[in-house]
Amino acid sequence: MPLFSIGANALAEPVVVPILGLGLLAAGLAPLLLNAAAAAGWLNGWLLDYLAWCARTIGSAPHAEARSG
């Protein structure tokens, strides 16, 4: 099971920092520049879609789940 987490983290790592940065940017811009905040949120949505795809792809691999008795 740990090998799956290495692959999942390697796929997800490039977008984690931009997701956080764009989320903070959107939150900071929202009170002043709503259209700019919406653009940052829109771009963040694409990155979040990729992150969700990584989770679904690795999670659907055979034997990717750990079960306890």
C-alpha atoms as a PDB file:
ATOM      1  CA  MET A   1       0.000   0.000   0.000  1.00  0.00           C
ATOM      2  CA  PRO A   2       2.710   2.596   0.744  1.00  0.00           C
ATOM      3  CA  LEU A   3       3.917   2.474  -2.863  1.00  0.00           C
ATOM      4  CA  PHE A   4       0.561   3.835  -4.010  1.00  0.00           C
ATOM      5  CA  SER A   5       0.944   6.856  -1.754  1.00  0.00           C
ATOM      6  CA  ILE A   6       4.334   7.646  -3.279  1.00  0.00           C
ATOM      7  CA  GLY A   7       2.821   7.696  -6.763  1.00  0.00           C
ATOM      8  CA  ALA A   8      -0.183   9.717  -5.632  1.00  0.00           C
ATOM      9  CA  ASN A   9       2.003  12.315  -3.964  1.00  0.00           C
ATOM     10  CA  ALA A  10       4.327  12.527  -6.956  1.00  0.00           C
ATOM     11  CA  LEU A  11       1.364  13.219  -9.254  1.00  0.00           C
ATOM     12  CA  ALA A  12      -0.295  15.708  -6.906  1.00  0.00           C
ATOM     13  CA  GLU A  13       2.757  17.614  -5.675  1.00  0.00           C
ATOM     14  CA  PRO A  14       3.111  20.065  -8.587  1.00  0.00           C
ATOM     15  CA  VAL A  15      -0.345  21.582  -8.020  1.00  0.00           C
ATOM     16  CA  VAL A  16      -0.571  21.725  -4.225  1.00  0.00           C
ATOM     17  CA  VAL A  17       1.281  25.020  -3.761  1.00  0.00           C
ATOM     18  CA  PRO A  18      -0.466  26.787  -6.679  1.00  0.00           C
ATOM     19  CA  ILE A  19      -3.852  25.624  -5.333  1.00  0.00           C
ATOM     20  CA  LEU A  20      -3.114  27.187  -1.958  1.00  0.00           C
ATOM     21  CA  GLY A  21      -1.688  30.351  -3.495  1.00  0.00           C
ATOM     22  CA  LEU A  22      -4.578  30.888  -5.881  1.00  0.00           C
ATOM     23  CA  GLY A  23      -7.096  30.213  -3.126  1.00  0.00           C
ATOM     24  CA  LEU A  24      -5.483  32.815  -0.891  1.00  0.00           C
ATOM     25  CA  LEU A  25      -5.235  35.244  -3.802  1.00  0.00           C
ATOM     26  CA  ALA A  26      -8.908  34.792  -4.653  1.00  0.00           C
ATOM     27  CA  ALA A  27      -9.900  35.307  -1.023  1.00  0.00           C
ATOM     28  CA  GLY A  28      -7.803  38.452  -0.781  1.00  0.00           C
ATOM     29  CA  LEU A  29      -9.057  39.915  -4.031  1.00  0.00           C
ATOM     30  CA  ALA A  30     -12.743  39.135  -3.509  1.00  0.00           C
ATOM     31  CA  PRO A  31     -13.595  42.221  -1.429  1.00  0.00           C
ATOM     32  CA  LEU A  32     -11.883  44.574  -3.898  1.00  0.00           C
ATOM     33  CA  LEU A  33     -11.764  43.034  -7.365  1.00  0.00           C
ATOM     34  CA  LEU A  34     -14.493  40.468  -7.748  1.00  0.00           C
ATOM     35  CA  ASN A  35     -13.720  39.643 -11.402  1.00  0.00           C
ATOM     36  CA  ALA A  36     -10.041  39.030 -10.641  1.00  0.00           C
ATOM     37  CA  ALA A  37     -11.007  36.820  -7.707  1.00  0.00           C
ATOM     38  CA  ALA A  38     -13.378  34.871  -9.948  1.00  0.00           C
ATOM     39  CA  ALA A  39     -10.588  34.374 -12.511  1.00  0.00           C
ATOM     40  CA  ALA A  40      -8.234  33.056  -9.823  1.00  0.00           C
ATOM     41  CA  GLY A  41     -10.997  30.756  -8.581  1.00  0.00           C
ATOM     42  CA  TRP A  42     -11.683  29.531 -12.116  1.00  0.00           C
ATOM     43  CA  LEU A  43      -8.015  28.667 -12.631  1.00  0.00           C
ATOM     44  CA  ASN A  44      -7.928  27.021  -9.227  1.00  0.00           C
ATOM     45  CA  GLY A  45     -10.861  24.861 -10.298  1.00  0.00           C
ATOM     46  CA  TRP A  46      -8.768  23.399 -13.115  1.00  0.00           C
ATOM     47  CA  LEU A  47      -5.960  22.570 -10.705  1.00  0.00           C
ATOM     48  CA  LEU A  48      -8.411  21.035  -8.252  1.00  0.00           C
ATOM     49  CA  ASP A  49      -9.898  18.913 -11.039  1.00  0.00           C
ATOM     50  CA  TYR A  50      -6.414  17.581 -11.757  1.00  0.00           C
ATOM     51  CA  LEU A  51      -5.861  16.844  -8.053  1.00  0.00           C
ATOM     52  CA  ALA A  52      -9.174  14.971  -7.874  1.00  0.00           C
ATOM     53  CA  TRP A  53      -8.218  13.037 -11.019  1.00  0.00           C
ATOM     54  CA  CYS A  54      -4.958  11.981  -9.326  1.00  0.00           C
ATOM     55  CA  ALA A  55      -6.858  10.728  -6.284  1.00  0.00           C
ATOM     56  CA  ARG A  56      -9.424   8.848  -8.388  1.00  0.00           C
ATOM     57  CA  THR A  57      -6.769   7.302 -10.624  1.00  0.00           C
ATOM     58  CA  ILE A  58      -4.520   6.049  -7.839  1.00  0.00           C
ATOM     59  CA  GLY A  59      -7.477   5.113  -5.626  1.00  0.00           C
ATOM     60  CA  SER A  60      -9.024   2.970  -8.336  1.00  0.00           C
ATOM     61  CA  ALA A  61      -5.865   0.913  -8.880  1.00  0.00           C
ATOM     62  CA  PRO A  62      -6.142  -2.731  -7.828  1.00  0.00           C
ATOM     63  CA  HIS A  63      -5.170  -3.260  -4.173  1.00  0.00           C
ATOM     64  CA  ALA A  64      -4.919   0.474  -3.501  1.00  0.00           C
ATOM     65  CA  GLU A  65      -7.244   0.179  -0.492  1.00  0.00           C
ATOM     66  CA  ALA A  66      -6.172  -1.076   2.891  1.00  0.00           C
ATOM     67  CA  ARG A  67      -8.825  -2.975   4.818  1.00  0.00           C
ATOM     68  CA  SER A  68      -8.797  -4.020   8.427  1.00  0.00           C
ATOM     69  CA  GLY A  69     -10.551  -6.988   9.917  1.00  0.00           C
END
